[in-house]
N, C-alpha and C. Protein backbone atom coordinates (compact mmCIF):
# COMPACT_ATOMS: atom_id res chain seq x y z
N MET A 1 0.85 -1.18 0.00
CA MET A 1 0.00 0.00 0.00
C MET A 1 0.89 1.24 0.00
N ASN A 2 0.54 2.17 -0.82
CA ASN A 2 1.39 3.34 -0.98
C ASN A 2 1.11 4.45 0.03
N LYS A 3 -0.16 4.86 0.17
CA LYS A 3 -0.50 5.97 1.06
C LYS A 3 -1.71 5.61 1.90
N GLY A 4 -1.69 6.05 3.17
CA GLY A 4 -2.84 5.80 4.02
C GLY A 4 -2.69 6.41 5.39
N VAL A 5 -3.75 6.24 6.18
CA VAL A 5 -3.80 6.72 7.55
C VAL A 5 -3.57 5.54 8.48
N PHE A 6 -2.83 5.80 9.54
CA PHE A 6 -2.42 4.76 10.47
C PHE A 6 -2.77 5.18 11.89
N TYR A 7 -3.40 4.27 12.63
CA TYR A 7 -3.71 4.47 14.04
C TYR A 7 -3.12 3.32 14.86
N ILE A 8 -2.83 3.63 16.11
CA ILE A 8 -2.46 2.61 17.09
C ILE A 8 -3.39 2.82 18.28
N ALA A 9 -4.14 1.77 18.65
CA ALA A 9 -5.14 1.92 19.70
C ALA A 9 -5.17 0.68 20.58
N PHE A 10 -5.67 0.87 21.79
CA PHE A 10 -5.86 -0.26 22.69
C PHE A 10 -6.95 0.09 23.69
N GLY A 11 -7.59 -0.94 24.16
CA GLY A 11 -8.65 -0.73 25.15
C GLY A 11 -9.91 -0.17 24.52
N ASP A 12 -11.02 -0.41 25.17
CA ASP A 12 -12.32 -0.03 24.62
C ASP A 12 -12.46 1.47 24.39
N ASN A 13 -11.99 2.29 25.32
CA ASN A 13 -12.16 3.74 25.18
C ASN A 13 -11.38 4.30 24.00
N PHE A 14 -10.12 3.89 23.86
CA PHE A 14 -9.33 4.38 22.73
C PHE A 14 -9.87 3.86 21.40
N ILE A 15 -10.39 2.64 21.40
CA ILE A 15 -10.96 2.10 20.18
C ILE A 15 -12.24 2.85 19.80
N LYS A 16 -13.05 3.22 20.77
CA LYS A 16 -14.23 4.06 20.48
C LYS A 16 -13.81 5.39 19.88
N GLU A 17 -12.78 6.02 20.48
CA GLU A 17 -12.25 7.27 19.92
C GLU A 17 -11.77 7.07 18.50
N LEU A 18 -11.03 5.99 18.28
CA LEU A 18 -10.50 5.68 16.96
C LEU A 18 -11.61 5.61 15.92
N LEU A 19 -12.71 4.97 16.24
CA LEU A 19 -13.79 4.84 15.27
C LEU A 19 -14.42 6.19 14.94
N ILE A 20 -14.51 7.07 15.92
CA ILE A 20 -15.01 8.43 15.66
C ILE A 20 -14.03 9.18 14.76
N SER A 21 -12.74 9.05 15.07
CA SER A 21 -11.72 9.70 14.25
C SER A 21 -11.71 9.13 12.83
N ALA A 22 -11.74 7.82 12.71
CA ALA A 22 -11.73 7.18 11.38
C ALA A 22 -12.95 7.60 10.57
N GLU A 23 -14.09 7.75 11.22
CA GLU A 23 -15.29 8.22 10.52
C GLU A 23 -15.06 9.63 9.97
N SER A 24 -14.39 10.48 10.75
CA SER A 24 -14.12 11.84 10.27
C SER A 24 -13.12 11.83 9.10
N VAL A 25 -12.17 10.90 9.13
CA VAL A 25 -11.24 10.77 8.01
C VAL A 25 -12.01 10.36 6.75
N LYS A 26 -12.81 9.31 6.85
CA LYS A 26 -13.53 8.79 5.69
C LYS A 26 -14.57 9.78 5.14
N LYS A 27 -15.13 10.61 6.02
CA LYS A 27 -16.10 11.61 5.57
C LYS A 27 -15.47 12.56 4.54
N HIS A 28 -14.22 12.93 4.77
CA HIS A 28 -13.54 13.90 3.90
C HIS A 28 -12.55 13.24 2.94
N ASN A 29 -12.23 11.98 3.17
CA ASN A 29 -11.23 11.26 2.37
C ASN A 29 -11.70 9.82 2.17
N PRO A 30 -12.81 9.61 1.45
CA PRO A 30 -13.43 8.28 1.41
C PRO A 30 -12.56 7.19 0.80
N ASP A 31 -11.62 7.55 -0.04
CA ASP A 31 -10.79 6.53 -0.69
C ASP A 31 -9.45 6.30 0.01
N LEU A 32 -9.18 7.02 1.07
CA LEU A 32 -7.91 6.89 1.79
C LEU A 32 -7.97 5.66 2.71
N PRO A 33 -7.09 4.68 2.48
CA PRO A 33 -7.14 3.49 3.34
C PRO A 33 -6.72 3.80 4.77
N ILE A 34 -7.30 3.07 5.70
CA ILE A 34 -6.99 3.21 7.11
C ILE A 34 -6.51 1.87 7.64
N ALA A 35 -5.33 1.90 8.27
CA ALA A 35 -4.76 0.71 8.92
C ALA A 35 -4.73 0.97 10.42
N VAL A 36 -5.02 -0.08 11.18
CA VAL A 36 -5.05 0.03 12.63
C VAL A 36 -4.25 -1.11 13.24
N PHE A 37 -3.43 -0.77 14.22
CA PHE A 37 -2.80 -1.74 15.11
C PHE A 37 -3.54 -1.60 16.43
N SER A 38 -4.08 -2.70 16.94
CA SER A 38 -4.79 -2.64 18.22
C SER A 38 -4.68 -3.97 18.94
N ASP A 39 -5.04 -3.93 20.21
CA ASP A 39 -4.94 -5.12 21.04
C ASP A 39 -6.13 -6.07 20.90
N LYS A 40 -7.14 -5.63 20.14
CA LYS A 40 -8.28 -6.51 19.88
C LYS A 40 -8.82 -6.20 18.49
N PRO A 41 -9.43 -7.18 17.85
CA PRO A 41 -9.98 -6.95 16.51
C PRO A 41 -11.02 -5.84 16.50
N ILE A 42 -11.05 -5.13 15.40
CA ILE A 42 -12.04 -4.07 15.22
C ILE A 42 -12.85 -4.40 13.98
N ASN A 43 -14.12 -4.63 14.16
CA ASN A 43 -15.01 -4.93 13.05
C ASN A 43 -15.74 -3.66 12.64
N SER A 44 -15.24 -3.03 11.59
CA SER A 44 -15.83 -1.79 11.12
C SER A 44 -15.49 -1.62 9.65
N ASP A 45 -16.45 -1.13 8.89
CA ASP A 45 -16.21 -0.83 7.48
C ASP A 45 -15.25 0.32 7.30
N LEU A 46 -14.99 1.06 8.35
CA LEU A 46 -14.07 2.20 8.28
C LEU A 46 -12.62 1.76 8.20
N ILE A 47 -12.34 0.57 8.71
CA ILE A 47 -10.96 0.07 8.81
C ILE A 47 -10.68 -0.88 7.65
N ASP A 48 -9.61 -0.58 6.92
CA ASP A 48 -9.25 -1.40 5.76
C ASP A 48 -8.29 -2.53 6.12
N THR A 49 -7.44 -2.28 7.12
CA THR A 49 -6.45 -3.29 7.52
C THR A 49 -6.28 -3.23 9.03
N TRP A 50 -6.22 -4.41 9.64
CA TRP A 50 -6.03 -4.48 11.09
C TRP A 50 -4.89 -5.45 11.41
N PHE A 51 -4.05 -5.04 12.37
CA PHE A 51 -2.95 -5.88 12.84
C PHE A 51 -3.02 -5.97 14.37
N PRO A 52 -2.82 -7.15 14.94
CA PRO A 52 -2.84 -7.27 16.41
C PRO A 52 -1.52 -6.82 17.02
N ILE A 53 -1.61 -6.21 18.20
CA ILE A 53 -0.41 -5.81 18.95
C ILE A 53 -0.59 -6.16 20.42
N GLN A 54 0.52 -6.18 21.13
CA GLN A 54 0.50 -6.31 22.58
C GLN A 54 0.86 -4.94 23.14
N VAL A 55 0.13 -4.51 24.13
CA VAL A 55 0.35 -3.18 24.72
C VAL A 55 0.86 -3.36 26.14
N ASN A 56 2.00 -2.71 26.41
CA ASN A 56 2.63 -2.84 27.72
C ASN A 56 2.64 -1.54 28.52
N HIS A 57 2.22 -0.44 27.89
CA HIS A 57 2.19 0.86 28.56
C HIS A 57 1.27 1.78 27.79
N LEU A 58 1.11 3.00 28.28
CA LEU A 58 0.14 3.94 27.74
C LEU A 58 0.55 4.55 26.39
N ARG A 59 1.78 4.41 25.95
CA ARG A 59 2.26 5.04 24.72
C ARG A 59 2.84 4.02 23.73
N PRO A 60 2.02 3.08 23.25
CA PRO A 60 2.55 2.03 22.37
C PRO A 60 2.99 2.52 20.99
N LYS A 61 2.69 3.78 20.65
CA LYS A 61 3.11 4.25 19.32
C LYS A 61 4.62 4.16 19.16
N VAL A 62 5.38 4.36 20.25
CA VAL A 62 6.84 4.28 20.12
C VAL A 62 7.30 2.87 19.78
N ASP A 63 6.49 1.88 20.14
CA ASP A 63 6.84 0.49 19.85
C ASP A 63 6.47 0.06 18.43
N TYR A 64 5.45 0.69 17.85
CA TYR A 64 4.90 0.18 16.59
C TYR A 64 4.89 1.16 15.42
N ILE A 65 5.21 2.41 15.63
CA ILE A 65 5.11 3.41 14.56
C ILE A 65 5.95 3.02 13.35
N HIS A 66 7.09 2.40 13.59
CA HIS A 66 7.99 2.03 12.48
C HIS A 66 7.41 0.92 11.60
N LEU A 67 6.36 0.28 12.05
CA LEU A 67 5.75 -0.81 11.28
C LEU A 67 4.56 -0.35 10.43
N ALA A 68 4.39 0.95 10.30
CA ALA A 68 3.29 1.46 9.47
C ALA A 68 3.30 0.75 8.12
N PRO A 69 2.13 0.29 7.65
CA PRO A 69 2.10 -0.53 6.44
C PRO A 69 2.12 0.25 5.13
N PHE A 70 2.25 1.56 5.19
CA PHE A 70 2.24 2.39 3.99
C PHE A 70 3.62 2.95 3.70
N GLU A 71 3.89 3.22 2.44
CA GLU A 71 5.14 3.91 2.07
C GLU A 71 5.09 5.37 2.50
N GLN A 72 3.89 5.95 2.45
CA GLN A 72 3.66 7.31 2.95
C GLN A 72 2.48 7.24 3.91
N THR A 73 2.71 7.71 5.12
CA THR A 73 1.74 7.51 6.20
C THR A 73 1.35 8.82 6.86
N ILE A 74 0.06 8.98 7.09
CA ILE A 74 -0.43 9.99 8.01
C ILE A 74 -0.79 9.24 9.28
N PHE A 75 -0.07 9.52 10.35
CA PHE A 75 -0.37 8.90 11.64
C PHE A 75 -1.25 9.85 12.43
N LEU A 76 -2.32 9.32 13.01
CA LEU A 76 -3.22 10.11 13.84
C LEU A 76 -3.46 9.42 15.17
N ASP A 77 -3.40 10.19 16.25
CA ASP A 77 -3.86 9.68 17.53
C ASP A 77 -5.36 9.48 17.45
N THR A 78 -5.88 8.65 18.32
CA THR A 78 -7.29 8.29 18.26
C THR A 78 -8.23 9.45 18.56
N ASP A 79 -7.74 10.48 19.22
CA ASP A 79 -8.60 11.62 19.57
C ASP A 79 -8.59 12.73 18.52
N THR A 80 -8.02 12.46 17.36
CA THR A 80 -7.94 13.45 16.28
C THR A 80 -9.22 13.44 15.45
N ILE A 81 -9.80 14.60 15.27
CA ILE A 81 -10.97 14.74 14.41
C ILE A 81 -10.55 15.50 13.15
N VAL A 82 -10.86 14.93 12.02
CA VAL A 82 -10.50 15.51 10.72
C VAL A 82 -11.70 16.27 10.19
N ASP A 83 -11.48 17.54 9.76
CA ASP A 83 -12.60 18.33 9.27
C ASP A 83 -12.41 18.82 7.83
N HIS A 84 -11.44 18.20 7.12
CA HIS A 84 -11.22 18.54 5.71
C HIS A 84 -10.39 17.43 5.05
N ASP A 85 -10.17 17.57 3.79
CA ASP A 85 -9.34 16.61 3.04
C ASP A 85 -7.91 16.71 3.56
N ILE A 86 -7.37 15.60 4.04
CA ILE A 86 -6.00 15.61 4.58
C ILE A 86 -4.97 15.05 3.61
N THR A 87 -5.40 14.65 2.42
CA THR A 87 -4.44 14.07 1.49
C THR A 87 -3.37 15.05 1.05
N GLU A 88 -3.65 16.36 1.18
CA GLU A 88 -2.63 17.35 0.82
C GLU A 88 -1.41 17.24 1.73
N MET A 89 -1.55 16.62 2.89
CA MET A 89 -0.40 16.44 3.77
C MET A 89 0.69 15.60 3.10
N PHE A 90 0.29 14.70 2.21
CA PHE A 90 1.29 13.90 1.51
C PHE A 90 2.20 14.76 0.64
N GLY A 91 1.72 15.92 0.20
CA GLY A 91 2.54 16.83 -0.59
C GLY A 91 3.77 17.33 0.15
N ILE A 92 3.69 17.40 1.46
CA ILE A 92 4.86 17.78 2.28
C ILE A 92 6.00 16.80 2.04
N LEU A 93 5.64 15.55 1.75
CA LEU A 93 6.67 14.51 1.57
C LEU A 93 7.39 14.62 0.24
N ASP A 94 6.95 15.54 -0.63
CA ASP A 94 7.72 15.80 -1.85
C ASP A 94 9.03 16.51 -1.52
N LYS A 95 9.06 17.20 -0.39
CA LYS A 95 10.26 17.95 0.02
C LYS A 95 10.90 17.42 1.30
N TYR A 96 10.07 16.89 2.20
CA TYR A 96 10.55 16.44 3.51
C TYR A 96 10.26 14.95 3.69
N ASP A 97 11.05 14.30 4.54
CA ASP A 97 10.82 12.89 4.86
C ASP A 97 9.79 12.70 5.96
N PHE A 98 9.61 13.76 6.77
CA PHE A 98 8.84 13.64 8.00
C PHE A 98 8.29 15.01 8.36
N ALA A 99 7.05 15.02 8.83
CA ALA A 99 6.46 16.26 9.35
C ALA A 99 5.64 15.90 10.58
N ILE A 100 5.62 16.84 11.52
CA ILE A 100 4.96 16.59 12.80
C ILE A 100 4.34 17.90 13.28
N CYS A 101 3.30 17.79 14.05
CA CYS A 101 2.60 18.98 14.53
C CYS A 101 3.39 19.73 15.58
N HIS A 102 3.27 21.02 15.51
CA HIS A 102 3.81 21.93 16.52
C HIS A 102 3.02 21.75 17.80
N ASP A 103 3.68 21.91 18.92
CA ASP A 103 3.01 21.88 20.20
C ASP A 103 3.25 23.21 20.90
N LEU A 104 2.33 23.64 21.70
CA LEU A 104 2.47 24.93 22.38
C LEU A 104 3.53 24.91 23.46
N ALA A 105 3.84 23.75 24.00
CA ALA A 105 4.88 23.66 25.03
C ALA A 105 6.24 23.97 24.41
N ARG A 106 7.08 24.59 25.17
CA ARG A 106 8.44 24.89 24.72
C ARG A 106 9.41 23.97 25.43
N LYS A 107 9.85 24.38 26.56
CA LYS A 107 10.80 23.62 27.34
C LYS A 107 10.25 23.54 28.76
N ARG A 108 9.74 22.39 29.10
CA ARG A 108 9.09 22.24 30.40
C ARG A 108 10.15 22.05 31.50
N VAL A 109 10.04 22.84 32.53
CA VAL A 109 11.00 22.79 33.63
C VAL A 109 10.97 21.43 34.31
N ASN A 110 9.77 20.90 34.55
CA ASN A 110 9.68 19.60 35.23
C ASN A 110 10.36 18.49 34.41
N VAL A 111 10.24 18.53 33.10
CA VAL A 111 10.89 17.53 32.26
C VAL A 111 12.39 17.79 32.21
N SER A 112 12.79 19.05 32.14
CA SER A 112 14.21 19.40 32.13
C SER A 112 14.92 18.86 33.37
N ASN A 113 14.23 18.85 34.48
CA ASN A 113 14.82 18.33 35.71
C ASN A 113 14.94 16.82 35.72
N LEU A 114 14.17 16.15 34.89
CA LEU A 114 14.16 14.69 34.85
C LEU A 114 15.00 14.10 33.72
N ILE A 115 15.13 14.85 32.63
CA ILE A 115 15.84 14.37 31.43
C ILE A 115 16.94 15.37 31.09
N PRO A 116 18.17 15.11 31.50
CA PRO A 116 19.25 16.08 31.28
C PRO A 116 19.44 16.48 29.81
N GLU A 117 19.31 15.54 28.89
CA GLU A 117 19.49 15.85 27.47
C GLU A 117 18.42 16.82 26.97
N TYR A 118 17.24 16.70 27.48
CA TYR A 118 16.13 17.59 27.13
C TYR A 118 16.46 19.02 27.57
N LYS A 119 17.05 19.13 28.73
CA LYS A 119 17.38 20.44 29.30
C LYS A 119 18.35 21.22 28.41
N GLU A 120 19.19 20.52 27.68
CA GLU A 120 20.21 21.16 26.84
C GLU A 120 19.65 21.74 25.55
N ILE A 121 18.45 21.39 25.18
CA ILE A 121 17.85 21.87 23.93
C ILE A 121 17.40 23.31 24.12
N PRO A 122 17.69 24.20 23.16
CA PRO A 122 17.26 25.59 23.30
C PRO A 122 15.75 25.73 23.44
N TYR A 123 15.34 26.69 24.22
CA TYR A 123 13.94 26.99 24.44
C TYR A 123 13.19 27.21 23.13
N ALA A 124 13.84 27.82 22.16
CA ALA A 124 13.21 28.15 20.87
C ALA A 124 12.83 26.92 20.06
N PHE A 125 13.39 25.76 20.39
CA PHE A 125 13.05 24.52 19.68
C PHE A 125 11.87 23.88 20.41
N SER A 126 10.67 24.20 19.93
CA SER A 126 9.43 23.79 20.59
C SER A 126 9.27 22.28 20.68
N GLU A 127 8.42 21.91 21.61
CA GLU A 127 8.00 20.51 21.62
C GLU A 127 7.13 20.27 20.41
N VAL A 128 6.95 19.02 20.10
CA VAL A 128 6.11 18.62 18.98
C VAL A 128 5.02 17.70 19.52
N ASN A 129 3.99 17.53 18.72
CA ASN A 129 2.88 16.67 19.11
C ASN A 129 2.85 15.47 18.17
N PRO A 130 3.35 14.32 18.61
CA PRO A 130 3.35 13.14 17.75
C PRO A 130 1.98 12.49 17.58
N GLY A 131 0.92 13.24 17.88
CA GLY A 131 -0.44 12.76 17.62
C GLY A 131 -0.86 12.97 16.19
N VAL A 132 -0.11 13.81 15.45
CA VAL A 132 -0.34 14.02 14.02
C VAL A 132 1.04 14.09 13.36
N MET A 133 1.30 13.10 12.52
CA MET A 133 2.58 13.03 11.79
C MET A 133 2.30 12.55 10.38
N VAL A 134 3.17 12.95 9.47
CA VAL A 134 3.15 12.39 8.12
C VAL A 134 4.60 12.05 7.79
N PHE A 135 4.81 10.86 7.23
CA PHE A 135 6.20 10.46 6.98
C PHE A 135 6.30 9.46 5.84
N LYS A 136 7.50 9.45 5.25
CA LYS A 136 7.87 8.45 4.25
C LYS A 136 8.61 7.33 4.97
N LYS A 137 8.48 6.15 4.47
CA LYS A 137 9.19 5.02 5.05
C LYS A 137 10.59 4.98 4.44
N THR A 138 11.46 5.83 4.96
CA THR A 138 12.84 5.90 4.51
C THR A 138 13.74 5.46 5.67
N GLN A 139 14.98 5.16 5.36
CA GLN A 139 15.90 4.73 6.41
C GLN A 139 16.11 5.82 7.46
N PRO A 140 16.28 7.09 7.08
CA PRO A 140 16.42 8.12 8.13
C PRO A 140 15.20 8.20 9.06
N VAL A 141 14.01 8.03 8.53
CA VAL A 141 12.81 8.06 9.36
C VAL A 141 12.78 6.84 10.28
N LEU A 142 13.08 5.68 9.73
CA LEU A 142 13.10 4.46 10.56
C LEU A 142 14.17 4.56 11.64
N ASP A 143 15.32 5.16 11.32
CA ASP A 143 16.37 5.37 12.31
C ASP A 143 15.89 6.32 13.41
N PHE A 144 15.19 7.37 13.01
CA PHE A 144 14.62 8.31 13.98
C PHE A 144 13.67 7.58 14.93
N PHE A 145 12.77 6.77 14.37
CA PHE A 145 11.82 6.04 15.21
C PHE A 145 12.54 5.10 16.18
N LYS A 146 13.59 4.46 15.72
CA LYS A 146 14.36 3.55 16.58
C LYS A 146 14.99 4.31 17.74
N LEU A 147 15.61 5.44 17.45
CA LEU A 147 16.26 6.22 18.51
C LEU A 147 15.24 6.86 19.45
N TRP A 148 14.11 7.28 18.91
CA TRP A 148 13.04 7.82 19.75
C TRP A 148 12.60 6.76 20.76
N LYS A 149 12.40 5.54 20.28
CA LYS A 149 11.99 4.44 21.16
C LYS A 149 13.05 4.19 22.23
N GLU A 150 14.33 4.21 21.84
CA GLU A 150 15.41 3.99 22.82
C GLU A 150 15.40 5.06 23.90
N HIS A 151 15.25 6.33 23.50
CA HIS A 151 15.20 7.41 24.49
C HIS A 151 13.93 7.33 25.34
N PHE A 152 12.83 6.98 24.73
CA PHE A 152 11.60 6.82 25.48
C PHE A 152 11.80 5.82 26.62
N TYR A 153 12.38 4.65 26.32
CA TYR A 153 12.57 3.64 27.35
C TYR A 153 13.69 4.02 28.32
N LYS A 154 14.67 4.74 27.84
CA LYS A 154 15.75 5.19 28.73
C LYS A 154 15.18 6.03 29.87
N TYR A 155 14.20 6.88 29.55
CA TYR A 155 13.64 7.80 30.54
C TYR A 155 12.22 7.42 30.99
N PHE A 156 11.77 6.25 30.62
CA PHE A 156 10.40 5.84 30.91
C PHE A 156 10.06 5.93 32.40
N ASN A 157 10.95 5.51 33.25
CA ASN A 157 10.67 5.53 34.70
C ASN A 157 10.67 6.94 35.27
N ARG A 158 11.24 7.89 34.54
CA ARG A 158 11.22 9.29 34.99
C ARG A 158 10.04 10.05 34.38
N TRP A 159 9.74 9.75 33.09
CA TRP A 159 8.69 10.48 32.38
C TRP A 159 8.09 9.54 31.33
N PRO A 160 6.94 8.92 31.59
CA PRO A 160 6.41 7.87 30.71
C PRO A 160 5.58 8.38 29.53
N TYR A 161 5.87 9.57 29.05
CA TYR A 161 5.15 10.15 27.92
C TYR A 161 6.12 10.40 26.78
N GLU A 162 5.61 10.37 25.55
CA GLU A 162 6.49 10.34 24.38
C GLU A 162 6.92 11.69 23.84
N GLN A 163 6.25 12.76 24.17
CA GLN A 163 6.57 14.05 23.56
C GLN A 163 7.98 14.55 23.86
N PRO A 164 8.43 14.56 25.10
CA PRO A 164 9.78 15.07 25.35
C PRO A 164 10.88 14.29 24.64
N THR A 165 10.75 12.98 24.59
CA THR A 165 11.80 12.21 23.91
C THR A 165 11.70 12.33 22.40
N CYS A 166 10.52 12.61 21.88
CA CYS A 166 10.39 12.89 20.45
C CYS A 166 11.11 14.20 20.13
N ARG A 167 10.88 15.23 20.95
CA ARG A 167 11.58 16.51 20.78
C ARG A 167 13.09 16.31 20.87
N LEU A 168 13.51 15.55 21.86
CA LEU A 168 14.93 15.28 22.06
C LEU A 168 15.54 14.63 20.82
N GLU A 169 14.86 13.63 20.30
CA GLU A 169 15.42 12.91 19.15
C GLU A 169 15.40 13.76 17.88
N LEU A 170 14.37 14.58 17.70
CA LEU A 170 14.37 15.49 16.55
C LEU A 170 15.54 16.46 16.63
N TRP A 171 15.80 16.96 17.82
CA TRP A 171 16.92 17.89 18.01
C TRP A 171 18.26 17.22 17.66
N LYS A 172 18.42 15.98 18.06
CA LYS A 172 19.69 15.28 17.86
C LYS A 172 19.86 14.76 16.43
N SER A 173 18.76 14.60 15.72
CA SER A 173 18.83 13.93 14.42
C SER A 173 19.18 14.90 13.28
N ASP A 174 19.51 14.31 12.16
CA ASP A 174 19.69 15.06 10.92
C ASP A 174 18.49 14.85 10.00
N LEU A 175 17.40 14.41 10.56
CA LEU A 175 16.20 14.12 9.80
C LEU A 175 15.71 15.36 9.06
N ASN A 176 15.34 15.19 7.81
CA ASN A 176 14.78 16.27 7.00
C ASN A 176 13.30 16.37 7.36
N PHE A 177 12.97 17.31 8.29
CA PHE A 177 11.59 17.36 8.77
C PHE A 177 11.01 18.76 8.71
N TYR A 178 9.69 18.79 8.81
CA TYR A 178 8.91 20.02 8.74
C TYR A 178 7.95 20.06 9.92
N ILE A 179 7.68 21.24 10.44
CA ILE A 179 6.71 21.40 11.52
C ILE A 179 5.36 21.79 10.93
N LEU A 180 4.36 20.97 11.18
CA LEU A 180 3.00 21.24 10.72
C LEU A 180 2.31 22.19 11.69
N HIS A 181 1.54 23.09 11.14
CA HIS A 181 0.76 24.03 11.97
C HIS A 181 -0.71 23.80 11.64
N VAL A 182 -1.27 22.72 12.18
CA VAL A 182 -2.66 22.39 11.90
C VAL A 182 -3.53 22.62 13.10
């Protein structure tokens, strides 16, 4: 499959959210395939492909994002509602390998105290929101995902959320990326 939307979900509540989000995707993008990784089967006409996963913590995207089944992927968290055609996001990949949403957080003091590498990043380099990403399945992107996962687990006992380590890895990487303002 060349292009599509990818979700990672687990548990009844996140799966309910996913179905609402997927419905919003299909409303504006009826031909865009949707693939889901989840801990239980999802029987819905909205989902084109389903893969089973095991979930060990609240942020399984770091474990499975690299397995996206598309060459070009729009990744959405389950709480994302789409209100227009999102296929234009793939156009970003004509110039960049990876794009991710801007986050309003800059440099959180509480995280800086827990993750020394995070503290070294300039304040001007904002956090990002990995709840909306678009990427090509290239080696630099796969390398980024691998290192993000490593940093996530390195600091998991201090901060079990993925945003700070995503910011950290973007700062350290040479990844050709763009910040989305959606």
